[in-house]
Protein backbone atom coordinates (compact mmCIF):
# COMPACT_ATOMS: atom_id res chain seq x y z
CA UNK A 1 142.73 155.19 69.69
CA UNK A 2 141.02 158.56 71.07
CA UNK A 3 142.09 159.76 74.40
CA UNK A 4 139.74 160.12 77.01
CA UNK A 5 138.95 163.33 78.73
CA UNK A 6 139.06 163.75 82.56
CA UNK A 7 135.36 163.42 82.78
CA UNK A 8 135.52 160.23 80.72
CA UNK A 9 138.15 158.67 82.83
CA UNK A 10 136.08 159.43 85.84
CA UNK A 11 132.93 158.43 84.20
CA UNK A 12 134.53 155.07 83.17
CA UNK A 13 136.01 154.37 86.58
CA UNK A 14 132.51 154.98 88.47
CA UNK A 15 130.63 152.93 85.59
CA UNK A 16 133.08 150.03 85.65
CA UNK A 17 133.34 150.06 89.47
CA UNK A 18 129.52 150.23 89.79
CA UNK A 19 129.10 147.11 87.33
CA UNK A 20 131.74 145.26 89.84
CA UNK A 21 129.93 146.10 93.10
CA UNK A 22 126.48 145.33 91.85
CA UNK A 23 127.94 141.93 90.70
CA UNK A 24 129.55 141.55 94.06
CA UNK A 25 126.12 142.15 95.78
CA UNK A 26 124.55 139.56 93.83
CA UNK A 27 127.12 136.92 94.34
CA UNK A 28 127.26 137.63 98.11
CA UNK A 29 123.52 137.58 98.53
CA UNK A 30 123.13 134.14 96.76
CA UNK A 31 126.18 132.66 98.29
CA UNK A 32 124.62 132.98 101.81
CA UNK A 33 121.12 133.06 101.40
CA UNK A 34 120.25 131.30 98.22
CA UNK A 35 117.47 129.53 99.91
CA UNK A 36 115.22 132.49 100.33
CA UNK A 37 112.88 134.30 98.03
CA UNK A 38 114.09 137.77 99.15
CA UNK A 39 117.59 136.88 98.30
CA UNK A 40 116.87 135.86 94.70
CA UNK A 41 114.95 139.12 94.14
CA UNK A 42 117.86 141.02 95.63
CA UNK A 43 120.21 139.32 93.34
CA UNK A 44 117.99 139.98 90.28
CA UNK A 45 118.07 143.60 91.31
CA UNK A 46 121.60 143.91 91.75
CA UNK A 47 122.31 142.19 88.33
CA UNK A 48 119.74 144.49 86.84
CA UNK A 49 121.93 147.46 88.15
CA UNK A 50 124.96 146.14 86.46
CA UNK A 51 123.01 145.63 83.18
CA UNK A 52 121.72 149.06 83.11
CA UNK A 53 125.16 150.58 83.44
CA UNK A 54 126.22 148.38 80.59
CA UNK A 55 123.14 149.09 78.51
CA UNK A 56 123.39 152.81 78.73
CA UNK A 57 127.07 153.00 77.53
CA UNK A 58 127.34 152.25 73.69
CA UNK A 59 131.05 150.92 74.00
CA UNK A 60 130.11 148.42 76.69
CA UNK A 61 126.85 147.49 74.90
CA UNK A 62 128.73 146.61 71.80
CA UNK A 63 131.43 144.76 73.79
CA UNK A 64 128.85 142.51 75.29
CA UNK A 65 127.08 141.96 71.58
CA UNK A 66 127.15 138.20 71.85
CA UNK A 67 125.25 138.21 75.05
CA UNK A 68 123.28 141.58 74.51
CA UNK A 69 119.88 139.76 74.77
CA UNK A 70 120.95 138.52 78.28
CA UNK A 71 122.13 142.09 79.39
CA UNK A 72 119.12 143.75 77.77
CA UNK A 73 116.73 141.25 79.69
CA UNK A 74 118.08 142.07 83.01
CA UNK A 75 118.14 145.91 81.78
CA UNK A 76 114.52 145.97 80.82
CA UNK A 77 113.36 144.15 84.10
CA UNK A 78 115.30 146.17 86.58
CA UNK A 79 112.76 148.39 87.72
CA UNK A 80 110.30 145.13 88.34
CA UNK A 81 113.07 143.49 90.28
CA UNK A 82 113.81 146.62 92.32
CA UNK A 83 110.13 146.90 92.97
CA UNK A 84 109.47 143.10 93.96
CA UNK A 85 112.79 143.12 96.17
CA UNK A 86 111.43 146.09 98.07
CA UNK A 87 107.96 144.17 98.63
CA UNK A 88 109.77 141.19 99.78
CA UNK A 89 112.15 142.94 102.05
CA UNK A 90 109.74 144.95 103.68
CA UNK A 91 106.49 142.79 103.86
CA UNK A 92 107.21 139.58 105.64
CA UNK A 93 105.59 136.38 104.08
CA UNK A 94 105.14 138.21 100.72
CA UNK A 95 103.50 135.76 98.04
CA UNK A 96 104.40 137.00 94.40
CA UNK A 97 101.91 134.65 92.73
CA UNK A 98 99.47 135.61 91.25
CA UNK A 99 98.79 139.22 91.89
CA UNK A 100 102.41 140.52 91.94
CA UNK A 101 103.50 138.21 88.96
CA UNK A 102 100.82 139.32 86.78
CA UNK A 103 101.56 143.03 87.52
CA UNK A 104 105.33 142.48 86.66
CA UNK A 105 104.44 140.69 83.31
CA UNK A 106 102.01 143.44 82.52
CA UNK A 107 104.36 146.11 83.29
CA UNK A 108 107.03 144.38 81.54
CA UNK A 109 104.91 143.93 78.24
CA UNK A 110 103.61 147.37 78.14
CA UNK A 111 107.15 148.82 78.49
CA UNK A 112 108.10 146.82 75.46
CA UNK A 113 105.18 147.90 73.56
CA UNK A 114 106.13 151.47 74.17
CA UNK A 115 110.16 151.30 73.59
CA UNK A 116 109.86 148.78 70.73
CA UNK A 117 106.92 150.20 68.89
CA UNK A 118 105.85 153.66 69.87
CA UNK A 119 108.93 155.51 71.32
CA UNK A 120 109.17 157.70 68.15
CA UNK A 121 105.42 157.48 67.22
CA UNK A 122 103.97 161.04 67.70
CA UNK A 123 100.50 160.05 67.14
CA UNK A 124 97.65 160.14 69.62
CA UNK A 125 97.92 156.50 70.32
CA UNK A 126 101.66 156.62 70.74
CA UNK A 127 101.17 159.54 73.23
CA UNK A 128 98.59 157.37 75.23
CA UNK A 129 101.05 154.39 75.05
CA UNK A 130 103.78 156.74 76.51
CA UNK A 131 101.57 158.42 79.36
CA UNK A 132 100.46 154.94 80.40
CA UNK A 133 104.22 153.63 80.63
CA UNK A 134 105.41 156.68 82.44
CA UNK A 135 102.38 156.57 85.05
CA UNK A 136 103.11 152.91 85.63
CA UNK A 137 106.82 153.50 86.28
CA UNK A 138 106.20 156.44 88.75
CA UNK A 139 103.56 154.18 90.24
CA UNK A 140 105.88 151.31 91.02
CA UNK A 141 108.25 153.87 92.66
CA UNK A 142 105.46 155.51 94.73
CA UNK A 143 104.32 151.99 95.94
CA UNK A 144 108.05 151.00 96.65
CA UNK A 145 108.43 154.13 98.89
CA UNK A 146 105.10 153.56 100.51
CA UNK A 147 105.71 149.97 101.48
CA UNK A 148 109.12 150.84 102.82
CA UNK A 149 107.59 153.89 104.91
CA UNK A 150 104.38 152.69 105.96
CA UNK A 151 105.56 149.53 107.64
CA UNK A 152 108.21 151.20 109.73
CA UNK A 153 106.03 151.54 112.78
CA UNK A 154 105.30 147.69 112.90
CA UNK A 155 108.78 146.65 112.33
CA UNK A 156 110.23 144.94 115.32
CA UNK A 157 113.99 144.55 113.86
CA UNK A 158 115.73 147.80 114.78
CA UNK A 159 118.59 147.41 112.01
CA UNK A 160 115.92 146.92 109.22
CA UNK A 161 113.77 149.93 110.68
CA UNK A 162 117.07 152.01 110.23
CA UNK A 163 117.71 150.47 106.80
CA UNK A 164 114.16 151.43 105.58
CA UNK A 165 115.05 155.19 105.57
CA UNK A 166 118.56 154.48 103.96
CA UNK A 167 116.79 152.58 101.44
CA UNK A 168 114.09 155.06 100.65
CA UNK A 169 116.76 157.99 100.52
CA UNK A 170 119.33 155.94 98.27
CA UNK A 171 117.29 153.33 95.95
CA UNK A 172 114.19 155.34 95.61
CA UNK A 173 115.92 158.48 94.66
CA UNK A 174 118.31 157.00 92.26
CA UNK A 175 115.52 154.83 90.59
CA UNK A 176 113.36 158.06 90.54
CA UNK A 177 116.03 160.11 88.89
CA UNK A 178 116.66 157.33 86.25
CA UNK A 179 113.02 157.35 85.23
CA UNK A 180 112.89 161.18 85.20
CA UNK A 181 115.80 161.31 82.70
CA UNK A 182 114.60 158.64 80.55
CA UNK A 183 111.04 160.07 80.20
CA UNK A 184 112.07 163.73 79.91
CA UNK A 185 115.23 163.82 77.78
CA UNK A 186 116.05 162.56 74.55
CA UNK A 187 118.30 159.34 74.39
CA UNK A 188 121.06 161.13 72.42
CA UNK A 189 120.95 163.97 75.13
CA UNK A 190 121.59 161.45 77.93
CA UNK A 191 124.99 160.42 76.25
CA UNK A 192 126.20 164.08 77.28
CA UNK A 193 129.66 163.60 79.41
CA UNK A 194 128.40 165.38 82.34
CA UNK A 195 124.96 163.45 82.36
CA UNK A 196 126.73 160.19 81.92
CA UNK A 197 129.17 160.93 84.83
CA UNK A 198 126.27 161.96 87.03
CA UNK A 199 124.32 158.66 86.32
CA UNK A 200 127.36 156.38 86.75
CA UNK A 201 128.43 158.25 89.96
CA UNK A 202 124.79 157.94 91.46
CA UNK A 203 124.63 154.22 90.71
CA UNK A 204 128.08 153.69 91.94
CA UNK A 205 127.14 155.29 95.35
CA UNK A 206 123.97 153.12 95.39
CA UNK A 207 125.92 149.92 94.85
CA UNK A 208 128.60 151.06 97.56
CA UNK A 209 125.83 151.81 100.02
CA UNK A 210 124.20 148.26 99.30
CA UNK A 211 127.70 146.56 99.66
CA UNK A 212 128.14 148.36 103.16
CA UNK A 213 124.64 147.01 104.33
CA UNK A 214 125.29 143.40 103.02
CA UNK A 215 128.76 143.12 104.34
CA UNK A 216 128.40 144.90 107.92
CA UNK A 217 126.82 141.83 109.69
CA UNK A 218 123.25 143.26 108.96
CA UNK A 219 122.21 140.43 106.88
CA UNK A 220 119.79 139.27 109.45
CA UNK A 221 117.70 142.36 109.08
CA UNK A 222 117.78 142.12 105.22
CA UNK A 223 117.66 138.67 104.42
CA UNK A 224 116.62 136.83 107.44
CA UNK A 225 113.69 135.35 105.89
CA UNK A 226 110.25 134.70 107.57
CA UNK A 227 110.14 134.51 111.39
CA UNK A 228 109.10 131.22 112.93
CA UNK A 229 106.39 132.58 114.87
CA UNK A 230 105.92 131.41 118.41
CA UNK A 231 106.06 127.83 119.05
CA UNK A 232 103.87 127.97 122.33
CA UNK A 233 106.67 127.19 124.92
CA UNK A 234 107.76 129.73 127.29
CA UNK A 235 111.03 131.26 126.42
CA UNK A 236 113.89 130.60 128.88
CA UNK A 237 115.24 134.06 130.08
CA UNK A 238 118.40 134.38 132.11
CA UNK A 239 117.58 138.07 132.91
CA UNK A 240 114.95 138.42 135.53
CA UNK A 241 114.20 141.90 134.32
CA UNK A 242 113.49 140.48 130.94
CA UNK A 243 111.39 137.72 132.37
CA UNK A 244 109.37 140.27 134.34
CA UNK A 245 108.78 142.44 131.42
CA UNK A 246 107.71 139.64 129.30
CA UNK A 247 105.29 138.38 131.70
CA UNK A 248 103.84 141.96 131.92
CA UNK A 249 103.24 141.94 128.03
CA UNK A 250 101.83 138.45 128.04
CA UNK A 251 99.36 139.41 130.91
CA UNK A 252 98.28 142.40 128.98
CA UNK A 253 97.77 140.65 125.84
CA UNK A 254 96.61 137.12 127.05
CA UNK A 255 94.69 137.89 130.15
CA UNK A 256 93.43 141.20 129.52
CA UNK A 257 92.97 140.77 125.88
CA UNK A 258 94.62 144.01 125.01
CA UNK A 259 95.09 142.57 121.47
CA UNK A 260 91.25 143.53 120.83
CA UNK A 261 91.90 146.97 121.07
CA UNK A 262 91.25 148.42 117.58
CA UNK A 263 94.47 150.50 116.27
CA UNK A 264 96.55 148.83 118.81
CA UNK A 265 100.36 150.09 118.08
CA UNK A 266 103.55 149.04 119.21
CA UNK A 267 103.94 152.53 121.03
CA UNK A 268 100.38 151.93 122.68
CA UNK A 269 101.48 148.51 124.10
CA UNK A 270 104.82 149.99 125.36
CA UNK A 271 102.87 152.73 127.16
CA UNK A 272 100.54 150.02 128.86
CA UNK A 273 103.28 147.83 129.76
CA UNK A 274 105.43 150.89 131.03
CA UNK A 275 108.27 149.93 128.95
CA UNK A 276 110.49 151.76 126.47
CA UNK A 277 109.38 150.97 123.03
CA UNK A 278 112.75 150.04 121.77
CA UNK A 279 112.92 147.48 124.79
CA UNK A 280 109.35 146.16 123.92
CA UNK A 281 110.30 145.69 120.47
CA UNK A 282 113.43 143.74 121.26
CA UNK A 283 111.56 141.65 123.67
CA UNK A 284 108.69 140.48 121.04
CA UNK A 285 111.34 139.95 118.22
CA UNK A 286 114.14 138.25 120.03
CA UNK A 287 112.17 136.08 122.59
CA UNK A 288 109.04 135.60 120.69
CA UNK A 289 110.05 135.37 117.25
CA UNK A 290 108.18 137.95 115.45
CA UNK A 291 109.48 140.33 112.78
CA UNK A 292 106.56 142.59 112.76
CA UNK A 293 103.84 143.79 115.44
CA UNK A 294 100.94 143.12 113.00
CA UNK A 295 102.09 139.32 112.87
CA UNK A 296 102.32 139.22 116.70
CA UNK A 297 98.79 140.70 117.07
CA UNK A 298 97.47 138.23 114.31
CA UNK A 299 98.60 135.48 116.48
CA UNK A 300 96.13 135.94 119.00
CA UNK A 301 93.42 137.54 116.79
CA UNK A 302 93.32 134.57 114.54
CA UNK A 303 93.43 132.07 117.08
CA UNK A 304 90.28 133.92 118.50
CA UNK A 305 88.70 134.15 115.30
CA UNK A 306 89.04 130.37 114.56
CA UNK A 307 87.29 129.82 117.78
CA UNK A 308 84.10 132.01 117.11
CA UNK A 309 84.01 130.69 113.54
CA UNK A 310 83.74 127.43 114.58
CA UNK A 311 81.09 128.10 117.25
CA UNK A 312 77.44 127.12 116.27
CA UNK A 313 76.01 129.52 118.58
CA UNK A 314 77.73 132.34 116.40
CA UNK A 315 76.90 130.90 113.13
CA UNK A 316 74.72 133.77 112.08
CA UNK A 317 77.26 136.32 113.22
CA UNK A 318 78.57 138.05 110.05
CA UNK A 319 82.31 137.74 109.38
CA UNK A 320 82.64 141.39 109.27
CA UNK A 321 81.30 141.71 112.87
CA UNK A 322 83.79 139.07 114.02
CA UNK A 323 86.71 141.13 112.38
CA UNK A 324 85.58 144.34 114.06
CA UNK A 325 85.32 142.66 117.47
CA UNK A 326 88.79 141.42 117.14
CA UNK A 327 90.29 144.71 116.54
CA UNK A 328 90.26 144.81 112.63
CA UNK A 329 89.38 148.12 111.01
CA UNK A 330 87.72 146.51 107.97
CA UNK A 331 87.26 142.99 106.44
CA UNK A 332 90.27 143.14 104.04
CA UNK A 333 93.11 143.05 106.35
CA UNK A 334 91.39 140.38 108.46
CA UNK A 335 90.83 138.06 105.40
CA UNK A 336 94.20 138.45 104.40
CA UNK A 337 95.69 137.54 107.80
CA UNK A 338 93.23 134.90 108.19
CA UNK A 339 94.18 133.30 104.99
CA UNK A 340 97.68 133.73 105.49
CA UNK A 341 97.81 131.61 108.63
CA UNK A 342 95.05 128.91 107.84
CA UNK A 343 95.35 128.79 103.82
CA UNK A 344 91.31 129.47 103.52
CA UNK A 345 89.16 132.54 103.84
CA UNK A 346 87.21 133.07 107.11
CA UNK A 347 83.98 132.16 105.19
CA UNK A 348 85.33 128.83 103.97
CA UNK A 349 86.66 128.00 107.48
CA UNK A 350 83.37 128.56 108.93
CA UNK A 351 81.57 126.41 106.50
CA UNK A 352 83.80 123.60 106.90
CA UNK A 353 83.96 123.58 110.80
CA UNK A 354 80.06 123.94 110.96
CA UNK A 355 79.81 121.22 108.45
CA UNK A 356 82.13 118.85 110.50
CA UNK A 357 80.39 119.72 113.83
């Protein structure tokens, strides 16, 4: 049996440890949150991390020869799993079907077309397939980073706000490094001892960070699921200062209809209420049950929209005008928010209500 070099020993340690940590993450997530979509996607991403460490090592890949098809299935869908997990983690109430599911299937099939049929093809068609595959891979990474970054302002959960930056730095950079290496280097070059050591060390560090997050009692931020939203009842607050602050916010939103202000942000509302931003975030999250500021505003805006769309007097007012009057910058966000809360589009809702009246 050939003796391993010092680099080989280190590489084997980080690779095997990384596999164990990724498997542990998946087990812990499913143990505690198996009833939630985000947890299943997180477990899928974790298993894909373990599978990737196996697939990229010839000895381990041969060891799992009988179950190679299963290992490779997780390995080949790893980037899809990480992308979907990112979306579900940072976009509350995410619905995978049909758009994200169809994108995932198309991404997987195109990847298989490239790696199975055109990987060594140097023709014009082969180059085109490669360029599209590479663009799609970088596109998923860019979208993943954008979603994590763009939603930080609306996020009302402080631990999740902090986790966004950790996620961007660790997960995104690691995935980006893997994609760059696979698209720029020949597969044989990636078997260099130094490169495989960096690869296994990077994924081991990523797994370690994720285990730390999952086990440090931050699971409410990471896998807390959807907020129930407001029930309509006044929350009972023992602290008179919190009761006063919450009354101030409710007066601004409900009586003065500040929710109609276009482009209203959590920072803007904090200024109007005379409260520190972190305190306002906590009030809306803990006492009113919202996980992001947009959902909080939509509670009031969609209720007002339903009243206006049900009005016979306003039946000739365009839906776009209603959306703009309610503080939306365009029709798209209004349609999505309305359908998310009612199950139908504003136009369909108006037709039904007017037909029933």
